[in-house]
Amino acid sequence: MKPNKYLSTFLSTALLFFATNLPAQQIDKAKGLSDYYQDYFPIGVAVTPEQVKDPVQSQMIRRQFNS
């Protein structure tokens, strides 16, 4: 099954929008996107088994998403 390029584009755009709209004084590189918005809504992601097995992608997924 091929990933939907429109969905991927939308998710990437949404991630960039939320990440770039954080106040500059509150940005902490150790925190993920889900940490900043945990009081407002969960941030989820759909992944493939290959992405979960990849250590770099797996770490990024755990840091940025909470649902």
C-alpha atoms as a PDB file:
ATOM      1  CA  MET A   1       0.000   0.000   0.000  1.00  0.00           C
ATOM      2  CA  LYS A   2       1.453   3.367  -1.055  1.00  0.00           C
ATOM      3  CA  PRO A   3       1.299   6.283   1.347  1.00  0.00           C
ATOM      4  CA  ASN A   4      -1.155   8.975   0.375  1.00  0.00           C
ATOM      5  CA  LYS A   5       0.977  11.932  -0.729  1.00  0.00           C
ATOM      6  CA  TYR A   6      -1.765  14.430   0.109  1.00  0.00           C
ATOM      7  CA  LEU A   7      -2.096  13.105   3.637  1.00  0.00           C
ATOM      8  CA  SER A   8       1.680  13.180   4.092  1.00  0.00           C
ATOM      9  CA  THR A   9       1.804  16.753   2.828  1.00  0.00           C
ATOM     10  CA  PHE A  10      -1.038  17.788   5.132  1.00  0.00           C
ATOM     11  CA  LEU A  11       0.570  16.192   8.199  1.00  0.00           C
ATOM     12  CA  SER A  12       3.948  17.740   7.424  1.00  0.00           C
ATOM     13  CA  THR A  13       2.364  21.146   6.958  1.00  0.00           C
ATOM     14  CA  ALA A  14       0.381  20.835  10.185  1.00  0.00           C
ATOM     15  CA  LEU A  15       3.488  19.787  12.103  1.00  0.00           C
ATOM     16  CA  LEU A  16       5.445  22.749  10.760  1.00  0.00           C
ATOM     17  CA  PHE A  17       2.563  25.129  11.495  1.00  0.00           C
ATOM     18  CA  PHE A  18       2.274  24.084  15.128  1.00  0.00           C
ATOM     19  CA  ALA A  19       6.027  23.915  15.666  1.00  0.00           C
ATOM     20  CA  THR A  20       6.697  27.344  14.177  1.00  0.00           C
ATOM     21  CA  ASN A  21       3.872  29.053  16.069  1.00  0.00           C
ATOM     22  CA  LEU A  22       5.334  28.358  19.484  1.00  0.00           C
ATOM     23  CA  PRO A  23       6.617  31.446  21.283  1.00  0.00           C
ATOM     24  CA  ALA A  24      10.401  31.621  20.875  1.00  0.00           C
ATOM     25  CA  GLN A  25      11.086  31.921  24.603  1.00  0.00           C
ATOM     26  CA  GLN A  26       9.238  28.657  25.303  1.00  0.00           C
ATOM     27  CA  ILE A  27      11.042  26.423  22.807  1.00  0.00           C
ATOM     28  CA  ASP A  28      13.010  23.617  24.435  1.00  0.00           C
ATOM     29  CA  LYS A  29      14.767  21.289  22.010  1.00  0.00           C
ATOM     30  CA  ALA A  30      14.439  18.364  24.422  1.00  0.00           C
ATOM     31  CA  LYS A  31      10.655  18.598  24.311  1.00  0.00           C
ATOM     32  CA  GLY A  32       8.525  17.256  21.512  1.00  0.00           C
ATOM     33  CA  LEU A  33       5.524  18.785  19.812  1.00  0.00           C
ATOM     34  CA  SER A  34       3.192  16.683  21.960  1.00  0.00           C
ATOM     35  CA  ASP A  35       4.697  18.196  25.122  1.00  0.00           C
ATOM     36  CA  TYR A  36       3.730  21.715  24.096  1.00  0.00           C
ATOM     37  CA  TYR A  37       0.160  20.843  23.160  1.00  0.00           C
ATOM     38  CA  GLN A  38      -0.623  18.112  25.728  1.00  0.00           C
ATOM     39  CA  ASP A  39      -3.110  20.374  27.549  1.00  0.00           C
ATOM     40  CA  TYR A  40      -5.033  21.066  24.339  1.00  0.00           C
ATOM     41  CA  PHE A  41      -5.277  17.888  22.242  1.00  0.00           C
ATOM     42  CA  PRO A  42      -3.467  14.633  21.526  1.00  0.00           C
ATOM     43  CA  ILE A  43      -1.101  14.522  18.572  1.00  0.00           C
ATOM     44  CA  GLY A  44      -1.121  11.219  16.749  1.00  0.00           C
ATOM     45  CA  VAL A  45       0.687   9.668  13.856  1.00  0.00           C
ATOM     46  CA  ALA A  46       0.231   6.631  11.660  1.00  0.00           C
ATOM     47  CA  VAL A  47       3.404   4.634  11.155  1.00  0.00           C
ATOM     48  CA  THR A  48       4.546   1.529   9.372  1.00  0.00           C
ATOM     49  CA  PRO A  49       6.324  -1.368  11.095  1.00  0.00           C
ATOM     50  CA  GLU A  50       9.533  -0.332   9.319  1.00  0.00           C
ATOM     51  CA  GLN A  51       9.389   3.133  10.868  1.00  0.00           C
ATOM     52  CA  VAL A  52       8.957   1.688  14.347  1.00  0.00           C
ATOM     53  CA  LYS A  53      11.971  -0.584  13.861  1.00  0.00           C
ATOM     54  CA  ASP A  54      14.234   2.246  12.655  1.00  0.00           C
ATOM     55  CA  PRO A  55      15.909   3.685  15.799  1.00  0.00           C
ATOM     56  CA  VAL A  56      16.079   7.276  14.509  1.00  0.00           C
ATOM     57  CA  GLN A  57      12.476   7.385  13.322  1.00  0.00           C
ATOM     58  CA  SER A  58      11.244   5.537  16.386  1.00  0.00           C
ATOM     59  CA  GLN A  59      12.893   8.071  18.706  1.00  0.00           C
ATOM     60  CA  MET A  60      11.411  10.990  16.765  1.00  0.00           C
ATOM     61  CA  ILE A  61       7.951   9.399  16.817  1.00  0.00           C
ATOM     62  CA  ARG A  62       8.062   8.853  20.594  1.00  0.00           C
ATOM     63  CA  ARG A  63       9.291  12.399  21.219  1.00  0.00           C
ATOM     64  CA  GLN A  64       6.839  14.237  18.942  1.00  0.00           C
ATOM     65  CA  PHE A  65       3.598  12.275  19.235  1.00  0.00           C
ATOM     66  CA  ASN A  66       1.485  11.143  22.188  1.00  0.00           C
ATOM     67  CA  SER A  67      -1.427   9.370  20.570  1.00  0.00           C
END
